[in-house]
Amino acid sequence: MSELPEHVARNRAYWDDLARQYVEAGERAWAQEEPTWGIWQVPEAELQIFPEQLAGRDAIELGCGTAYVCAWLSRRGARVVGIDNSEAQLATAHRLQRQYGLDFPLIHCDAEAIAYPDASFDFAISEYGACLWADPHRWVPEAGRLLRPGGQLVFLTNSFLMTLCMPTEDGVAATERLLRPAFGIYRVEWPENPSVEFYLSHGDWIRLLRRSGFEVEDLIEVRPALEATSRYPFVTFEWARQWVFPLCASWQQSLLSATGG
């Protein structure tokens, strides 16, 4: 077995240690009939992240954590696979599968190298999964490889602007000041945190996605509702209402059908 890339190994250890803090949130999400997205729980009816027709389609979640998104997909008739870098997170997912009587593959691996053949899936999704914790120059081409002609990739991650406004102290909320340069941002490490996160500007995302065979369908800058709350300390409601925290939700569609694969 080849040695894991340094950032993959660090994030694996980090999430195995952190997994117990996400058990309760995973249980709540599995119990939901309707999906809600991001730390402000924006309803699916507002964002319309899922395709209208999922029944009978092959889907993969890239960084599934406790696999509640997989559960939402499975209940809509998709044949879903969840992959995650954390064995501890997948242990919770397996337990909740048994509890709710849903059976789909859960695979312990990172999203930069997935042991499935080319063109295995119609739909790929990542909510704060691979799109935040994996190297985009590796996971985006891998997603493109896995998707069939006409397949769709949807991912939701922290906004680029929030990253520029984040103090280095762990748990301190984004400020109203720019604290780091926009140019050259890519791999971000926090002094009090052993994990590695990845961020791109909107322009860099577009260029990478196009090189990987995707066409950008939409870029949704999500704003929390007036009654929204969050348990996360790194952004305030007031900041998110003004400057688009919760997510840059980018919808991409594979161009493989147009380019001949």
Protein backbone atom coordinates (compact mmCIF):
# COMPACT_ATOMS: atom_id res chain seq x y z
CA MET A 1 0.00 0.00 0.00
CA SER A 2 1.41 3.37 -1.02
CA GLU A 3 2.03 6.00 1.64
CA LEU A 4 -0.72 8.57 2.05
CA PRO A 5 0.02 12.15 1.03
CA GLU A 6 0.95 14.21 4.08
CA HIS A 7 -2.23 16.33 4.09
CA VAL A 8 -4.42 13.23 3.68
CA ALA A 9 -2.78 11.52 6.65
CA ARG A 10 -3.08 14.65 8.80
CA ASN A 11 -6.74 15.17 7.96
CA ARG A 12 -7.48 11.48 8.55
CA ALA A 13 -6.06 11.65 12.08
CA TYR A 14 -7.81 14.97 12.70
CA TRP A 15 -11.25 13.68 11.69
CA ASP A 16 -10.87 10.36 13.48
CA ASP A 17 -10.28 12.40 16.64
CA LEU A 18 -13.09 14.88 15.89
CA ALA A 19 -15.72 12.33 14.79
CA ARG A 20 -17.38 11.96 18.20
CA GLN A 21 -18.31 15.67 18.08
CA TYR A 22 -20.36 15.08 14.92
CA VAL A 23 -22.38 12.06 16.04
CA GLU A 24 -25.36 14.07 17.31
CA ALA A 25 -25.49 16.29 14.22
CA GLY A 26 -25.34 13.20 12.02
CA GLU A 27 -28.21 11.61 13.93
CA ARG A 28 -30.36 14.72 13.47
CA ALA A 29 -29.62 14.90 9.76
CA TRP A 30 -30.42 11.22 9.20
CA ALA A 31 -33.81 11.78 10.87
CA GLN A 32 -34.70 14.68 8.53
CA GLU A 33 -37.17 14.04 5.73
CA GLU A 34 -36.05 17.10 3.77
CA PRO A 35 -32.39 18.09 3.30
CA THR A 36 -30.96 21.31 4.68
CA TRP A 37 -27.54 22.57 3.68
CA GLY A 38 -24.54 24.15 5.34
CA ILE A 39 -24.07 25.46 8.84
CA TRP A 40 -27.17 27.70 8.52
CA GLN A 41 -29.40 24.78 7.45
CA VAL A 42 -30.70 26.34 4.23
CA PRO A 43 -33.63 24.24 2.89
CA GLU A 44 -33.28 22.14 -0.24
CA ALA A 45 -36.46 23.82 -1.54
CA GLU A 46 -34.52 27.09 -1.68
CA LEU A 47 -31.21 25.87 -3.13
CA GLN A 48 -32.44 22.93 -5.26
CA ILE A 49 -29.11 21.13 -5.05
CA PHE A 50 -30.39 17.68 -5.96
CA PRO A 51 -31.36 16.90 -9.56
CA GLU A 52 -35.09 16.45 -10.12
CA GLN A 53 -34.63 12.83 -11.18
CA LEU A 54 -32.46 10.70 -8.90
CA ALA A 55 -34.27 7.35 -9.02
CA GLY A 56 -32.10 4.73 -10.66
CA ARG A 57 -29.08 7.02 -11.01
CA ASP A 58 -25.61 6.25 -9.66
CA ALA A 59 -24.35 8.81 -7.14
CA ILE A 60 -21.24 9.26 -5.00
CA GLU A 61 -20.63 11.49 -2.00
CA LEU A 62 -17.03 12.68 -1.79
CA GLY A 63 -16.27 12.95 1.92
CA CYS A 64 -19.53 11.65 3.35
CA GLY A 65 -18.76 11.88 7.08
CA THR A 66 -21.75 10.33 8.85
CA ALA A 67 -23.38 9.82 5.41
CA TYR A 68 -26.61 11.75 5.92
CA VAL A 69 -26.40 13.15 2.38
CA CYS A 70 -26.03 9.57 1.15
CA ALA A 71 -29.18 8.71 3.11
CA TRP A 72 -31.11 11.58 1.51
CA LEU A 73 -29.97 10.39 -1.92
CA SER A 74 -30.83 6.77 -1.19
CA ARG A 75 -34.34 7.69 -0.07
CA ARG A 76 -34.80 9.42 -3.43
CA GLY A 77 -33.99 6.22 -5.27
CA ALA A 78 -30.33 6.81 -6.14
CA ARG A 79 -27.79 4.01 -6.05
CA VAL A 80 -25.34 5.81 -3.80
CA VAL A 81 -21.76 5.22 -2.62
CA GLY A 82 -20.20 7.16 0.24
CA ILE A 83 -16.45 7.56 0.62
CA ASP A 84 -14.68 9.20 3.56
CA ASN A 85 -11.15 9.65 4.83
CA SER A 86 -12.17 8.96 8.46
CA GLU A 87 -12.86 5.44 9.69
CA ALA A 88 -14.41 6.86 12.88
CA GLN A 89 -16.90 8.93 10.89
CA LEU A 90 -17.83 5.87 8.83
CA ALA A 91 -18.43 3.87 12.03
CA THR A 92 -21.25 6.31 12.89
CA ALA A 93 -22.53 6.06 9.32
CA HIS A 94 -22.65 2.25 9.50
CA ARG A 95 -24.59 2.38 12.78
CA LEU A 96 -27.14 4.81 11.34
CA GLN A 97 -27.51 2.65 8.24
CA ARG A 98 -28.53 -0.26 10.44
CA GLN A 99 -30.85 1.96 12.49
CA TYR A 100 -32.69 3.27 9.43
CA GLY A 101 -32.52 0.12 7.30
CA LEU A 102 -30.60 1.69 4.42
CA ASP A 103 -27.89 -0.32 2.69
CA PHE A 104 -25.30 1.33 0.44
CA PRO A 105 -21.49 1.02 0.17
CA LEU A 106 -19.38 3.08 2.56
CA ILE A 107 -15.71 3.07 1.62
CA HIS A 108 -12.72 4.24 3.66
CA CYS A 109 -10.54 6.18 1.25
CA ASP A 110 -9.69 9.72 0.30
CA ALA A 111 -11.34 11.53 -2.61
CA GLU A 112 -8.08 12.02 -4.47
CA ALA A 113 -7.83 8.32 -5.42
CA ILE A 114 -11.06 6.30 -5.59
CA ALA A 115 -11.04 2.65 -6.65
CA TYR A 116 -13.94 2.83 -9.11
CA PRO A 117 -13.70 2.58 -12.91
CA ASP A 118 -14.03 5.57 -15.19
CA ALA A 119 -17.58 6.78 -15.88
CA SER A 120 -19.15 4.97 -12.90
CA PHE A 121 -21.51 7.72 -11.69
CA ASP A 122 -24.13 10.20 -12.87
CA PHE A 123 -23.95 12.55 -9.89
CA ALA A 124 -21.23 13.52 -7.40
CA ILE A 125 -21.65 15.74 -4.36
CA SER A 126 -19.50 17.16 -1.58
CA GLU A 127 -20.78 19.22 1.34
CA TYR A 128 -17.76 20.39 3.35
CA GLY A 129 -16.09 17.13 2.36
CA ALA A 130 -13.50 16.70 -0.36
CA CYS A 131 -14.10 20.26 -1.53
CA LEU A 132 -12.61 21.59 1.72
CA TRP A 133 -10.24 18.88 2.96
CA ALA A 134 -8.75 17.38 -0.23
CA ASP A 135 -6.35 18.90 -2.76
CA PRO A 136 -8.57 20.34 -5.52
CA HIS A 137 -5.93 19.68 -8.19
CA ARG A 138 -6.34 16.00 -7.34
CA TRP A 139 -9.97 15.51 -6.31
CA VAL A 140 -11.61 17.59 -9.08
CA PRO A 141 -9.97 15.63 -11.95
CA GLU A 142 -10.81 12.43 -10.04
CA ALA A 143 -14.48 13.48 -9.89
CA GLY A 144 -14.36 14.22 -13.62
CA ARG A 145 -12.95 10.74 -14.26
CA LEU A 146 -15.70 9.07 -12.24
CA LEU A 147 -18.60 10.89 -13.90
CA ARG A 148 -20.34 9.71 -17.04
CA PRO A 149 -20.94 12.02 -20.02
CA GLY A 150 -23.47 14.59 -18.88
CA GLY A 151 -22.83 13.81 -15.22
CA GLN A 152 -23.06 16.53 -12.58
CA LEU A 153 -20.82 17.60 -9.71
CA VAL A 154 -22.20 19.76 -6.89
CA PHE A 155 -20.08 21.02 -4.02
CA LEU A 156 -20.58 23.36 -1.07
CA THR A 157 -17.68 24.87 0.81
CA ASN A 158 -16.59 27.90 2.82
CA SER A 159 -16.64 31.19 0.94
CA PHE A 160 -13.36 32.54 -0.37
CA LEU A 161 -14.07 35.94 1.19
CA MET A 162 -14.54 34.44 4.65
CA THR A 163 -11.13 32.79 4.39
CA LEU A 164 -9.51 36.15 3.70
CA CYS A 165 -11.17 37.57 6.84
CA MET A 166 -10.43 34.70 9.23
CA PRO A 167 -8.09 35.31 12.21
CA THR A 168 -5.48 32.65 12.85
CA GLU A 169 -6.83 31.89 16.35
CA ASP A 170 -8.97 28.76 16.45
CA GLY A 171 -12.68 29.44 17.00
CA VAL A 172 -12.46 33.22 16.47
CA ALA A 173 -15.04 34.55 14.04
CA ALA A 174 -14.32 36.19 10.69
CA THR A 175 -13.75 39.92 10.97
CA GLU A 176 -14.74 42.93 8.86
CA ARG A 177 -11.09 43.30 7.76
CA LEU A 178 -9.07 41.46 5.14
CA LEU A 179 -6.36 39.58 7.04
CA ARG A 180 -4.56 37.65 4.27
CA PRO A 181 -3.86 38.28 0.59
CA ALA A 182 -6.21 36.89 -2.02
CA PHE A 183 -3.47 36.07 -4.51
CA GLY A 184 -1.66 32.79 -3.97
CA ILE A 185 -4.08 31.38 -1.39
CA TYR A 186 -4.41 27.62 -1.69
CA ARG A 187 -3.40 25.44 1.22
CA VAL A 188 -4.41 26.89 4.60
CA GLU A 189 -3.18 25.67 7.99
CA TRP A 190 -4.25 27.07 11.34
CA PRO A 191 -1.68 27.36 14.19
CA GLU A 192 -3.85 25.62 16.81
CA ASN A 193 -5.25 22.99 14.46
CA PRO A 194 -3.42 20.04 12.85
CA SER A 195 -5.69 19.84 9.80
CA VAL A 196 -5.09 21.14 6.28
CA GLU A 197 -7.80 23.00 4.32
CA PHE A 198 -7.83 24.06 0.68
CA TYR A 199 -9.27 27.23 -0.84
CA LEU A 200 -9.38 28.65 -4.36
CA SER A 201 -10.59 31.96 -5.69
CA HIS A 202 -13.67 31.82 -7.91
CA GLY A 203 -11.49 32.33 -10.99
CA ASP A 204 -9.13 29.50 -10.01
CA TRP A 205 -12.11 27.20 -9.39
CA ILE A 206 -13.49 27.95 -12.86
CA ARG A 207 -10.17 27.35 -14.59
CA LEU A 208 -9.56 24.08 -12.71
CA LEU A 209 -13.06 22.81 -13.40
CA ARG A 210 -12.80 23.58 -17.12
CA ARG A 211 -9.42 21.84 -17.35
CA SER A 212 -11.05 18.82 -15.68
CA GLY A 213 -13.89 18.62 -18.24
CA PHE A 214 -16.59 20.62 -16.46
CA GLU A 215 -18.75 23.56 -17.37
CA VAL A 216 -19.95 25.81 -14.58
CA GLU A 217 -23.75 25.80 -14.44
CA ASP A 218 -24.24 28.01 -11.41
CA LEU A 219 -22.45 29.66 -8.50
CA ILE A 220 -24.82 30.22 -5.59
CA GLU A 221 -23.67 32.59 -2.86
CA VAL A 222 -25.88 31.51 0.01
CA ARG A 223 -27.32 33.91 2.58
CA PRO A 224 -28.77 32.59 5.87
CA ALA A 225 -32.43 33.20 6.60
CA LEU A 226 -33.37 35.79 9.24
CA GLU A 227 -34.23 33.05 11.76
CA ALA A 228 -31.12 30.94 11.07
CA THR A 229 -28.76 29.85 13.83
CA SER A 230 -25.49 27.93 13.86
CA ARG A 231 -23.35 26.17 16.45
CA TYR A 232 -20.10 27.03 14.67
CA PRO A 233 -17.98 29.86 16.13
CA PHE A 234 -15.96 30.89 13.08
CA VAL A 235 -18.60 33.14 11.53
CA THR A 236 -21.36 35.28 13.02
CA PHE A 237 -24.90 35.60 11.71
CA GLU A 238 -24.37 39.33 11.13
CA TRP A 239 -21.25 38.69 9.05
CA ALA A 240 -22.92 35.99 6.98
CA ARG A 241 -25.98 38.16 6.28
CA GLN A 242 -23.73 40.92 4.92
CA TRP A 243 -20.93 39.11 3.14
CA VAL A 244 -22.13 35.67 2.08
CA PHE A 245 -20.69 33.23 4.49
CA PRO A 246 -22.22 30.04 4.43
CA LEU A 247 -21.08 28.59 1.22
CA CYS A 248 -20.05 29.10 -2.28
CA ALA A 249 -22.28 26.43 -3.76
CA SER A 250 -20.94 25.63 -7.20
CA TRP A 251 -22.88 23.48 -9.59
CA GLN A 252 -20.89 21.96 -12.39
CA GLN A 253 -21.88 19.72 -15.27
CA SER A 254 -19.57 17.38 -17.09
CA LEU A 255 -18.76 18.42 -20.65
CA LEU A 256 -17.59 14.94 -21.57
CA SER A 257 -20.59 14.39 -23.84
CA ALA A 258 -19.69 17.54 -25.81
CA THR A 259 -15.97 16.81 -26.01
CA GLY A 260 -16.33 13.14 -26.80
CA GLY A 261 -14.86 12.02 -23.48
